Amino acid sequence: MMNLLRLSRMTGRTDLEEKAVGIGRAFSQQIRQSPSAFMQLMTAVGFMYGPSYEVVIAGDPLSADTQAMLRALRTSYVPNKVVLFNPIQKTPPEIGRIAPYTQGMTAVDGKATAYVCSNFSCRRPVTDITEMLRLLQEPLL
């Protein structure tokens, strides 16, 4: 279920989220009887009902600023997020085919740039790691 939800958030495919909901419904009786036996499923439910974030990093995969931004996302506790990488060297980047909403998300002034989104509604792009992490702590309205 969790993989379907993450894939749904990465690609924007709502049909995958509907399948995940169906899995939850199929096991709902068992979950009610013994919720602690379904902790991974409960984590997926938390992810589904949010808040959850999509973070797109646009940058040069070999540059220090891009690597630092990705490292900050890996080492900071930010539950309920998916991270996509949009390399600036590829034209057009393959990620745009998989996740069409990432098209047009480019590096600002050649710097690694984070697009912090929730339900595919994105904040202004940022190039500062501290600002990126701050945006992940604030719910989008």
Protein backbone atom coordinates (compact mmCIF):
# COMPACT_ATOMS: atom_id res chain seq x y z
CA MET A 1 0.00 0.00 0.00
CA MET A 2 2.79 2.42 0.94
CA ASN A 3 4.61 1.82 -2.34
CA LEU A 4 1.42 2.53 -4.29
CA LEU A 5 0.92 5.78 -2.38
CA ARG A 6 4.50 6.91 -2.94
CA LEU A 7 4.30 6.02 -6.62
CA SER A 8 1.02 7.91 -6.86
CA ARG A 9 2.64 11.02 -5.34
CA MET A 10 5.68 10.70 -7.59
CA THR A 11 3.73 10.33 -10.80
CA GLY A 12 0.49 12.16 -10.09
CA ARG A 13 -1.48 9.03 -10.97
CA THR A 14 -4.60 9.08 -8.79
CA ASP A 15 -5.57 5.57 -9.91
CA LEU A 16 -2.69 4.21 -7.83
CA GLU A 17 -3.96 6.01 -4.74
CA GLU A 18 -7.41 4.53 -5.37
CA LYS A 19 -5.85 1.05 -5.45
CA ALA A 20 -4.11 1.76 -2.14
CA VAL A 21 -7.42 2.82 -0.60
CA GLY A 22 -8.92 -0.45 -1.86
CA ILE A 23 -6.21 -2.40 -0.06
CA GLY A 24 -7.01 -0.57 3.15
CA ARG A 25 -10.70 -1.33 2.75
CA ALA A 26 -10.03 -5.00 2.01
CA PHE A 27 -8.20 -5.41 5.32
CA SER A 28 -10.27 -2.98 7.39
CA GLN A 29 -11.96 -5.67 9.50
CA GLN A 30 -8.65 -7.27 10.46
CA ILE A 31 -7.09 -3.88 11.14
CA ARG A 32 -9.92 -2.95 13.52
CA GLN A 33 -9.40 -6.19 15.43
CA SER A 34 -5.62 -5.86 15.78
CA PRO A 35 -4.24 -2.48 14.64
CA SER A 36 -0.79 -3.11 16.12
CA ALA A 37 -0.35 -6.05 13.72
CA PHE A 38 -0.71 -3.64 10.79
CA MET A 39 1.75 -0.90 11.71
CA GLN A 40 3.16 -0.58 8.19
CA LEU A 41 -0.35 -0.26 6.83
CA MET A 42 -1.16 2.35 9.48
CA THR A 43 1.95 4.27 8.41
CA ALA A 44 0.61 4.23 4.85
CA VAL A 45 -2.74 5.57 6.08
CA GLY A 46 -0.88 8.41 7.81
CA PHE A 47 0.96 9.12 4.58
CA MET A 48 -2.28 9.14 2.61
CA TYR A 49 -4.12 11.53 4.89
CA GLY A 50 -1.08 13.76 5.32
CA PRO A 51 0.23 16.12 5.24
CA SER A 52 2.58 14.68 2.65
CA TYR A 53 5.10 16.37 0.43
CA GLU A 54 6.59 15.97 -3.01
CA VAL A 55 10.07 17.48 -3.22
CA VAL A 56 11.66 17.97 -6.62
CA ILE A 57 15.35 18.82 -6.67
CA ALA A 58 16.60 20.35 -9.92
CA GLY A 59 20.34 20.57 -10.34
CA ASP A 60 23.61 19.15 -11.56
CA PRO A 61 24.01 15.70 -9.99
CA LEU A 62 27.77 16.21 -9.64
CA SER A 63 27.68 19.65 -8.01
CA ALA A 64 28.28 20.10 -4.30
CA ASP A 65 25.13 22.17 -3.77
CA THR A 66 22.90 19.50 -5.32
CA GLN A 67 24.53 16.74 -3.30
CA ALA A 68 24.19 18.80 -0.10
CA MET A 69 20.49 19.41 -0.77
CA LEU A 70 19.83 15.71 -1.37
CA ARG A 71 21.87 14.77 1.71
CA ALA A 72 19.83 17.19 3.84
CA LEU A 73 16.62 15.48 2.69
CA ARG A 74 18.04 12.03 3.49
CA THR A 75 19.36 12.95 6.93
CA SER A 76 16.51 15.13 8.22
CA TYR A 77 13.45 13.52 9.71
CA VAL A 78 10.69 14.57 7.37
CA PRO A 79 8.07 11.81 7.27
CA ASN A 80 5.59 11.53 4.45
CA LYS A 81 7.71 12.83 1.64
CA VAL A 82 8.78 11.63 -1.76
CA VAL A 83 11.86 13.06 -3.43
CA LEU A 84 12.35 13.31 -7.18
CA PHE A 85 15.49 14.48 -8.94
CA ASN A 86 15.40 16.56 -12.11
CA PRO A 87 18.93 16.65 -13.60
CA ILE A 88 19.61 19.84 -15.49
CA GLN A 89 21.93 18.24 -18.07
CA LYS A 90 19.31 16.01 -19.68
CA THR A 91 17.08 17.52 -22.32
CA PRO A 92 14.31 16.63 -21.80
CA PRO A 93 14.80 14.90 -18.44
CA GLU A 94 13.26 11.43 -18.23
CA ILE A 95 11.62 12.33 -14.91
CA GLY A 96 9.26 14.62 -16.87
CA ARG A 97 7.89 11.57 -18.70
CA ILE A 98 7.30 9.68 -15.46
CA ALA A 99 6.10 12.66 -13.41
CA PRO A 100 4.74 15.26 -15.85
CA TYR A 101 4.22 17.87 -13.14
CA THR A 102 8.03 18.22 -12.86
CA GLN A 103 8.35 19.63 -16.36
CA GLY A 104 9.53 23.19 -16.15
CA MET A 105 11.07 22.72 -12.71
CA THR A 106 14.59 23.91 -13.39
CA ALA A 107 17.60 25.09 -11.45
CA VAL A 108 17.38 28.79 -10.58
CA ASP A 109 20.49 30.70 -11.66
CA GLY A 110 22.31 27.39 -12.13
CA LYS A 111 22.01 26.52 -8.42
CA ALA A 112 20.44 23.38 -6.97
CA THR A 113 16.78 24.25 -6.51
CA ALA A 114 14.10 22.62 -4.37
CA TYR A 115 10.43 22.67 -5.26
CA VAL A 116 8.45 21.76 -2.13
CA CYS A 117 4.94 20.68 -3.02
CA SER A 118 1.93 19.15 -1.32
CA ASN A 119 -0.80 17.55 -3.40
CA PHE A 120 1.06 18.87 -6.45
CA SER A 121 0.67 22.48 -5.35
CA CYS A 122 4.16 23.93 -5.04
CA ARG A 123 5.73 26.73 -3.06
CA ARG A 124 8.13 29.08 -4.74
CA PRO A 125 11.41 27.37 -5.60
CA VAL A 126 14.26 27.78 -3.11
CA THR A 127 18.01 27.36 -3.39
CA ASP A 128 18.76 27.46 0.34
CA ILE A 129 18.78 24.17 2.29
CA THR A 130 17.56 25.75 5.52
CA GLU A 131 14.64 27.35 3.69
CA MET A 132 13.81 24.03 1.97
CA LEU A 133 13.69 22.21 5.31
CA ARG A 134 11.60 25.01 6.85
CA LEU A 135 9.04 24.66 4.05
CA LEU A 136 8.78 20.95 4.85
CA GLN A 137 7.70 21.84 8.39
CA GLU A 138 4.89 24.16 7.32
CA PRO A 139 1.60 22.83 5.97
CA LEU A 140 0.53 24.23 2.63
CA LEU A 141 -2.74 26.08 2.76
